[in-house]
N, C-alpha and C. Protein backbone atom coordinates (compact mmCIF):
# COMPACT_ATOMS: atom_id res chain seq x y z
N PHE A 1 124.58 98.93 88.32
CA PHE A 1 122.91 99.28 88.27
C PHE A 1 122.30 100.90 88.60
N LEU A 2 121.84 100.66 87.52
CA LEU A 2 121.37 102.28 87.61
C LEU A 2 119.59 102.34 87.49
N SER A 3 119.04 103.36 88.22
CA SER A 3 118.00 102.96 88.23
C SER A 3 117.15 104.24 87.75
N CYS A 4 116.06 104.27 87.71
CA CYS A 4 114.98 106.47 87.44
C CYS A 4 113.63 105.42 87.60
N ILE A 5 113.57 106.65 88.88
CA ILE A 5 111.86 107.01 88.70
C ILE A 5 111.73 107.94 88.16
N LEU A 6 110.68 108.07 87.92
CA LEU A 6 109.24 108.92 87.28
C LEU A 6 108.66 109.24 88.13
N LEU A 7 107.77 110.14 88.71
CA LEU A 7 106.84 110.29 89.82
C LEU A 7 106.00 111.29 88.82
N ASP A 8 104.69 111.33 88.75
CA ASP A 8 103.81 112.27 88.40
C ASP A 8 102.84 112.62 89.66
N ILE A 9 102.48 114.04 90.33
CA ILE A 9 101.55 114.50 91.27
C ILE A 9 100.50 113.51 90.72
N ASP A 10 99.48 112.86 91.65
CA ASP A 10 98.06 112.71 90.96
C ASP A 10 96.95 113.84 91.04
N TYR A 11 96.32 113.65 89.90
CA TYR A 11 95.23 115.09 89.70
C TYR A 11 95.70 116.04 90.57
N PHE A 12 96.50 116.76 89.55
CA PHE A 12 97.83 117.74 89.57
C PHE A 12 96.37 119.18 88.95
N LYS A 13 96.21 118.64 87.77
CA LYS A 13 95.31 119.98 87.37
C LYS A 13 94.00 120.43 87.79
N LYS A 14 93.56 119.35 88.73
CA LYS A 14 92.65 120.20 90.07
C LYS A 14 93.25 120.70 90.65
N PHE A 15 94.43 120.37 91.60
CA PHE A 15 94.83 121.81 92.10
C PHE A 15 94.90 123.28 91.98
N ASN A 16 96.02 123.29 90.56
CA ASN A 16 95.34 123.77 89.91
C ASN A 16 94.22 124.61 89.61
N ASP A 17 93.26 123.98 89.23
CA ASP A 17 91.67 124.27 88.78
C ASP A 17 91.15 124.36 90.07
N THR A 18 91.31 124.37 91.10
CA THR A 18 90.63 124.55 92.15
C THR A 18 91.33 126.00 93.04
N TYR A 19 93.03 125.86 93.54
CA TYR A 19 93.37 126.79 93.82
C TYR A 19 93.51 127.60 93.83
N GLY A 20 93.97 127.74 92.33
CA GLY A 20 95.31 128.38 91.27
C GLY A 20 96.30 128.35 90.83
N HIS A 21 97.09 128.57 90.56
CA HIS A 21 97.93 128.30 89.79
C HIS A 21 99.47 128.32 90.73
N GLN A 22 99.22 129.84 91.92
CA GLN A 22 100.08 130.22 92.98
C GLN A 22 99.97 128.58 93.79
N THR A 23 99.09 128.32 93.90
CA THR A 23 98.80 127.02 94.89
C THR A 23 99.64 125.66 94.81
N GLY A 24 99.07 125.72 92.98
CA GLY A 24 99.70 124.20 92.55
C GLY A 24 101.60 124.55 92.29
N ASP A 25 101.88 126.36 92.63
CA ASP A 25 103.61 125.86 92.78
C ASP A 25 103.69 125.44 93.82
N ILE A 26 103.42 125.99 94.72
CA ILE A 26 103.65 125.90 96.39
C ILE A 26 103.78 124.35 96.27
N VAL A 27 102.61 123.31 95.38
CA VAL A 27 102.33 121.93 95.67
C VAL A 27 103.46 121.58 94.81
N LEU A 28 104.36 122.26 94.00
CA LEU A 28 106.09 121.61 93.90
C LEU A 28 106.81 121.81 93.86
N ARG A 29 107.13 122.65 94.72
CA ARG A 29 108.05 123.07 95.30
C ARG A 29 107.84 122.31 96.63
N THR A 30 106.90 121.87 97.34
CA THR A 30 106.69 121.06 98.43
C THR A 30 107.26 119.91 98.05
N LEU A 31 106.55 119.67 97.10
CA LEU A 31 107.41 117.89 96.71
C LEU A 31 108.92 118.02 96.27
N GLY A 32 109.33 118.84 95.45
CA GLY A 32 110.56 119.24 94.90
C GLY A 32 111.39 118.72 96.72
N GLN A 33 110.90 119.58 97.72
CA GLN A 33 112.16 119.53 98.85
C GLN A 33 111.53 117.68 99.68
N VAL A 34 110.80 117.47 99.34
CA VAL A 34 110.77 116.34 99.81
C VAL A 34 111.51 115.23 99.32
N ILE A 35 111.23 114.88 97.97
CA ILE A 35 112.29 114.51 97.42
C ILE A 35 114.06 114.62 97.30
N LYS A 36 114.22 115.89 97.45
CA LYS A 36 115.13 116.25 97.62
C LYS A 36 115.80 116.28 99.02
N ASP A 37 115.16 115.62 100.67
CA ASP A 37 115.15 115.04 101.49
C ASP A 37 115.04 113.14 101.54
N SER A 38 115.11 113.16 100.68
CA SER A 38 114.72 111.60 100.49
C SER A 38 115.95 110.92 99.77
N ILE A 39 116.72 111.40 98.98
CA ILE A 39 117.43 111.03 98.49
C ILE A 39 119.04 111.02 98.59
N ARG A 40 119.68 110.14 98.85
CA ARG A 40 121.57 110.43 98.71
C ARG A 40 122.15 111.46 97.98
N ASP A 41 123.45 111.81 98.33
CA ASP A 41 123.98 113.24 98.02
C ASP A 41 124.14 112.59 96.34
N SER A 42 124.44 112.16 96.20
CA SER A 42 125.01 110.89 94.79
C SER A 42 123.58 110.62 94.18
N ASP A 43 122.65 110.88 94.23
CA ASP A 43 121.59 110.67 93.34
C ASP A 43 121.56 111.92 92.61
N PHE A 44 120.28 111.95 91.77
CA PHE A 44 119.69 112.99 90.81
C PHE A 44 118.76 113.50 90.71
N ALA A 45 118.21 114.26 91.35
CA ALA A 45 116.77 114.85 90.48
C ALA A 45 116.59 116.09 90.20
N ALA A 46 114.88 115.86 89.38
CA ALA A 46 114.89 117.31 88.28
C ALA A 46 113.11 116.96 88.33
N ARG A 47 113.19 118.57 87.99
CA ARG A 47 111.54 118.48 87.19
C ARG A 47 111.86 118.08 86.04
N TYR A 48 111.10 117.12 85.55
CA TYR A 48 110.89 117.03 83.79
C TYR A 48 110.02 117.28 83.58
N GLY A 49 108.62 117.75 83.57
CA GLY A 49 108.32 118.65 83.14
C GLY A 49 107.28 118.94 83.79
N GLY A 50 106.25 120.01 83.26
CA GLY A 50 104.96 119.69 83.78
C GLY A 50 104.86 119.34 85.37
N GLU A 51 104.11 118.29 85.98
CA GLU A 51 104.10 117.93 87.85
C GLU A 51 105.25 116.41 87.63
N GLU A 52 105.75 116.17 87.06
CA GLU A 52 106.71 115.29 86.18
C GLU A 52 108.31 115.51 87.50
N PHE A 53 108.38 114.29 88.01
CA PHE A 53 109.86 114.88 87.79
C PHE A 53 110.56 113.24 87.91
N THR A 54 111.77 113.55 88.04
CA THR A 54 113.12 112.23 87.78
C THR A 54 114.03 112.21 89.10
N ILE A 55 114.26 111.04 89.17
CA ILE A 55 115.22 110.58 90.44
C ILE A 55 116.17 109.55 89.59
N VAL A 56 117.49 110.09 89.18
CA VAL A 56 118.02 108.97 88.45
C VAL A 56 119.28 108.29 89.94
N LEU A 57 119.30 106.84 90.49
CA LEU A 57 119.79 106.70 91.67
C LEU A 57 120.94 105.65 91.42
N TYR A 58 121.92 105.79 90.93
CA TYR A 58 122.89 105.11 91.01
C TYR A 58 123.35 104.36 91.44
N HIS A 59 123.88 103.28 91.29
CA HIS A 59 124.34 102.08 91.79
C HIS A 59 122.95 101.44 92.79
N THR A 60 122.22 101.53 92.35
CA THR A 60 120.83 101.01 93.15
C THR A 60 120.16 100.23 91.94
N ASP A 61 120.00 98.53 92.80
CA ASP A 61 119.09 97.34 91.82
C ASP A 61 117.39 97.46 92.15
N ARG A 62 117.51 97.31 91.69
CA ARG A 62 115.56 97.23 91.60
C ARG A 62 114.70 97.53 93.31
N PRO A 63 115.28 95.89 93.98
CA PRO A 63 114.93 96.16 95.11
C PRO A 63 114.74 97.65 96.24
N ALA A 64 115.75 98.10 95.90
CA ALA A 64 116.52 99.09 96.87
C ALA A 64 115.65 100.57 96.21
N ALA A 65 116.08 100.48 94.89
CA ALA A 65 114.76 101.59 94.12
C ALA A 65 113.22 101.77 94.14
N PHE A 66 112.91 100.18 94.25
CA PHE A 66 111.61 99.90 95.18
C PHE A 66 111.78 100.72 96.05
N HIS A 67 112.21 100.25 97.05
CA HIS A 67 112.13 100.94 98.36
C HIS A 67 112.36 102.41 98.57
N VAL A 68 112.68 103.06 97.53
CA VAL A 68 113.39 104.85 97.92
C VAL A 68 111.66 105.14 96.99
N ALA A 69 111.56 104.50 96.12
CA ALA A 69 110.04 105.54 95.78
C ALA A 69 108.87 104.90 96.22
N GLU A 70 108.65 103.76 97.04
CA GLU A 70 107.74 103.36 98.01
C GLU A 70 108.20 104.60 99.47
N ARG A 71 109.39 104.60 99.86
CA ARG A 71 109.19 105.64 101.05
C ARG A 71 109.25 106.74 100.77
N LEU A 72 109.56 107.75 99.12
CA LEU A 72 109.05 108.68 99.02
C LEU A 72 107.50 109.21 98.68
N ARG A 73 106.77 108.05 98.63
CA ARG A 73 105.05 107.89 98.12
C ARG A 73 104.58 107.68 99.32
N GLN A 74 105.29 106.88 100.59
CA GLN A 74 104.70 107.57 101.34
C GLN A 74 104.82 108.51 102.16
N MET A 75 105.76 109.09 101.83
CA MET A 75 106.12 110.36 102.64
C MET A 75 105.37 111.83 102.18
N VAL A 76 105.05 111.31 100.53
CA VAL A 76 104.00 112.48 100.18
C VAL A 76 102.94 112.29 100.41
N GLU A 77 102.35 111.12 100.91
CA GLU A 77 100.76 110.73 101.28
C GLU A 77 100.37 111.80 102.42
N HIS A 78 101.58 111.39 103.74
CA HIS A 78 101.64 112.09 104.94
C HIS A 78 102.42 113.36 105.12
N CYS A 79 102.33 113.84 104.18
CA CYS A 79 102.71 115.25 104.15
C CYS A 79 101.59 116.28 103.67
N ASP A 80 101.88 117.48 104.64
CA ASP A 80 101.15 118.19 104.45
C ASP A 80 101.00 119.83 103.41
N VAL A 81 100.55 119.59 102.55
CA VAL A 81 101.06 121.34 101.73
C VAL A 81 99.82 121.85 102.52
N ARG A 82 100.77 123.55 103.08
CA ARG A 82 100.11 124.80 103.54
C ARG A 82 100.05 125.89 102.58
N ASP A 83 99.14 126.24 102.46
CA ASP A 83 98.82 127.59 101.47
C ASP A 83 98.09 128.17 102.28
N ASN A 84 97.90 129.00 103.05
CA ASN A 84 96.97 130.44 103.60
C ASN A 84 96.15 129.80 104.11
N ASP A 85 95.23 129.30 104.15
CA ASP A 85 94.53 128.67 105.52
C ASP A 85 94.52 127.06 105.21
N ASN A 86 94.50 126.23 103.69
CA ASN A 86 93.64 125.50 102.95
C ASN A 86 95.69 124.50 103.81
N VAL A 87 95.18 123.09 104.10
CA VAL A 87 95.87 122.12 103.90
C VAL A 87 95.43 121.34 103.34
N LEU A 88 96.81 121.19 102.34
CA LEU A 88 96.52 119.71 101.16
C LEU A 88 97.16 118.77 101.60
N HIS A 89 96.37 117.42 100.58
CA HIS A 89 97.13 116.26 100.84
C HIS A 89 97.78 115.84 99.56
N ILE A 90 98.52 115.25 99.00
CA ILE A 90 98.65 115.29 97.19
C ILE A 90 99.08 113.38 98.01
N THR A 91 99.40 113.07 96.88
CA THR A 91 99.45 111.59 96.52
C THR A 91 100.09 111.66 95.29
N ILE A 92 101.41 110.48 94.80
CA ILE A 92 101.97 110.80 93.86
C ILE A 92 101.51 109.28 93.20
N SER A 93 102.52 109.26 91.99
CA SER A 93 102.47 107.87 91.75
C SER A 93 104.17 107.78 90.76
N LEU A 94 104.18 106.40 90.89
CA LEU A 94 106.07 106.23 90.22
C LEU A 94 106.51 105.05 89.90
N GLY A 95 106.53 105.33 88.53
CA GLY A 95 107.05 104.26 87.51
C GLY A 95 108.97 104.09 87.57
N VAL A 96 109.37 103.16 88.10
CA VAL A 96 111.20 102.66 88.33
C VAL A 96 111.25 101.70 87.21
N ALA A 97 112.42 102.40 86.98
CA ALA A 97 113.23 100.90 85.64
C ALA A 97 114.64 101.31 86.20
N THR A 98 115.43 99.85 86.00
CA THR A 98 116.46 99.09 86.44
C THR A 98 117.49 98.91 85.31
N PHE A 99 118.60 99.37 85.60
CA PHE A 99 119.23 98.50 84.46
C PHE A 99 120.94 98.08 84.57
N PRO A 100 121.29 96.98 84.26
CA PRO A 100 122.72 96.42 84.71
C PRO A 100 123.62 98.00 84.00
N HIS A 101 124.29 98.10 84.75
CA HIS A 101 125.33 99.46 83.90
C HIS A 101 125.84 98.42 82.53
N GLU A 102 126.33 97.61 81.94
CA GLU A 102 126.57 97.14 80.94
C GLU A 102 125.39 96.99 80.09
N GLN A 103 124.05 97.57 80.30
CA GLN A 103 123.32 96.90 79.57
C GLN A 103 122.14 98.90 79.09
N ILE A 104 122.81 99.43 80.02
CA ILE A 104 122.77 101.05 79.98
C ILE A 104 123.17 101.35 78.22
N LEU A 105 122.25 101.89 77.45
CA LEU A 105 122.61 102.28 76.14
C LEU A 105 121.99 103.53 75.99
N GLU A 106 121.52 104.21 76.42
CA GLU A 106 120.82 105.75 76.32
C GLU A 106 119.37 106.28 77.56
N TYR A 107 120.22 107.26 78.39
CA TYR A 107 118.93 107.20 79.24
C TYR A 107 117.53 107.81 79.31
N LYS A 108 117.33 108.01 77.18
CA LYS A 108 116.72 108.61 77.17
C LYS A 108 115.24 106.71 77.11
N GLN A 109 116.34 105.38 77.01
CA GLN A 109 115.08 104.60 76.76
C GLN A 109 115.11 104.23 78.39
N ILE A 110 116.10 104.42 79.18
CA ILE A 110 115.56 104.02 80.54
C ILE A 110 114.25 105.03 81.30
N VAL A 111 114.48 106.48 80.67
CA VAL A 111 113.12 107.28 80.95
C VAL A 111 112.04 106.57 80.54
N GLU A 112 112.08 105.68 79.36
CA GLU A 112 110.79 105.29 78.34
C GLU A 112 110.50 104.35 79.54
N CYS A 113 111.30 103.46 79.62
CA CYS A 113 111.01 102.24 80.58
C CYS A 113 109.65 102.47 81.82
N ALA A 114 110.64 103.62 82.19
CA ALA A 114 110.12 104.29 83.67
C ALA A 114 108.60 104.85 83.82
N ASP A 115 108.84 105.61 82.47
CA ASP A 115 107.27 106.14 81.98
C ASP A 115 106.30 104.87 81.47
N LYS A 116 106.59 104.11 81.56
CA LYS A 116 105.54 102.79 81.09
C LYS A 116 105.46 102.34 82.71
N ALA A 117 106.15 102.27 83.41
CA ALA A 117 106.15 101.83 84.51
C ALA A 117 104.85 102.85 86.05
N LEU A 118 105.57 103.51 84.68
CA LEU A 118 104.88 105.51 85.43
C LEU A 118 103.11 105.08 85.09
N TYR A 119 102.58 104.79 83.95
CA TYR A 119 101.67 105.00 83.49
C TYR A 119 100.84 103.66 84.11
N LYS A 120 101.40 102.57 84.04
CA LYS A 120 100.72 101.25 84.79
C LYS A 120 100.46 101.45 86.35
N ALA A 121 101.13 102.59 86.86
CA ALA A 121 101.03 102.28 88.19
C ALA A 121 99.81 103.76 88.25
N LYS A 122 99.69 104.44 87.69
CA LYS A 122 98.77 105.20 87.25
C LYS A 122 97.10 104.38 87.02
N ASP A 123 97.25 103.51 86.02
CA ASP A 123 95.88 102.52 86.14
C ASP A 123 95.51 101.70 86.29
N ASN A 124 96.78 101.46 86.91
CA ASN A 124 96.45 100.80 88.36
C ASN A 124 95.36 101.50 89.80
N GLY A 125 95.13 102.39 89.40
CA GLY A 125 94.36 103.04 90.97
C GLY A 125 95.38 104.47 91.41
N ARG A 126 96.79 104.95 91.14
CA ARG A 126 97.36 105.86 91.26
C ARG A 126 98.22 105.53 92.47
N ASN A 127 98.83 106.50 93.75
CA ASN A 127 99.29 106.36 94.95
C ASN A 127 100.10 104.65 95.15
N ARG A 128 100.66 104.50 94.03
CA ARG A 128 101.29 103.29 93.44
C ARG A 128 102.57 103.99 93.24
N VAL A 129 103.47 102.28 93.57
CA VAL A 129 104.73 102.42 93.15
C VAL A 129 104.53 101.21 91.53
N GLU A 130 105.08 101.24 90.42
CA GLU A 130 105.38 100.08 89.17
C GLU A 130 106.65 99.63 88.60
N CYS A 131 107.06 98.84 88.92
CA CYS A 131 108.11 98.73 88.41
C CYS A 131 108.50 98.14 87.05
N TYR A 132 108.70 99.06 86.21
CA TYR A 132 109.61 97.82 84.54
C TYR A 132 110.35 96.70 84.57
N GLY A 133 109.97 96.09 83.92
CA GLY A 133 111.12 95.12 83.61
C GLY A 133 111.26 93.37 84.42
N THR A 134 109.80 93.12 85.12
CA THR A 134 109.41 92.47 85.40
C THR A 134 109.48 91.13 84.14
N GLU A 135 109.46 91.16 83.05
CA GLU A 135 108.79 90.73 81.79
C GLU A 135 110.71 90.81 81.57
N LYS A 136 110.84 89.50 80.17
CA LYS A 136 112.07 89.94 80.22
C LYS A 136 112.39 90.55 78.60
N LEU A 137 113.65 91.62 78.80
CA LEU A 137 113.17 92.36 78.43
C LEU A 137 114.62 92.38 76.80
N LYS A 138 114.15 92.71 76.08
CA LYS A 138 114.82 92.78 75.08
C LYS A 138 115.45 93.79 74.06
N ILE A 139 116.40 94.72 74.30
CA ILE A 139 116.80 95.68 73.90
C ILE A 139 118.19 94.94 72.43
N VAL A 140 117.58 95.56 71.76
CA VAL A 140 118.29 96.67 69.99
C VAL A 140 118.80 98.02 70.48
N LYS A 141 120.11 97.67 70.16
CA LYS A 141 121.00 99.51 70.12
C LYS A 141 120.36 100.09 69.34
N GLY A 142 119.94 101.15 69.57
CA GLY A 142 119.63 102.34 68.55
C GLY A 142 117.49 102.44 68.67
N THR A 143 116.92 101.06 69.28
CA THR A 143 115.72 100.82 69.19
C THR A 143 114.89 101.25 70.72
N ASN A 144 114.31 101.28 70.83
CA ASN A 144 113.43 101.07 72.52
C ASN A 144 112.93 99.25 72.27
N PRO A 145 113.65 99.58 74.04
CA PRO A 145 113.25 98.35 74.55
C PRO A 145 111.19 97.54 74.46
N GLU A 146 111.39 96.44 74.50
CA GLU A 146 110.41 96.18 74.20
C GLU A 146 110.20 95.03 75.27
N ILE A 147 109.03 94.68 75.32
CA ILE A 147 108.87 93.59 76.58
C ILE A 147 108.45 92.42 75.53
N VAL A 148 109.09 91.16 76.49
CA VAL A 148 109.32 89.75 75.48
C VAL A 148 108.67 89.14 76.58
N LYS A 149 107.18 88.55 75.69
CA LYS A 149 106.18 87.91 76.30
C LYS A 149 106.26 86.82 76.19
């Protein structure tokens, strides 16, 4: 299995608008360190853009990927971000997508599925983990995965 976690800092724009971009950068660096400390050496994490990060978990099925994502969510929720006299608390929303190795077509498709799960997490109240693929997947090579109801 290959799992992808896509995560986003909840209300990050508010941090930049309220405390400035320098504090926003501290938030990003702090989150990056928490992510680095939370994954195995064999996994891969990167800033995906803005306040989004992606994590690739090799040889990790959906329950294990959910566990990693939930543990990360809790670590971030209880992490203090310090900037001068300010102690800030952040939360993250996470989307998880998992595919068997033989079903993986392109990394882009996995990220798109994780992104759908991420937006489900945001729509359901933020500061949570949602998994893509609890429905049956229909994957046709060269197209985006579709949910079959």
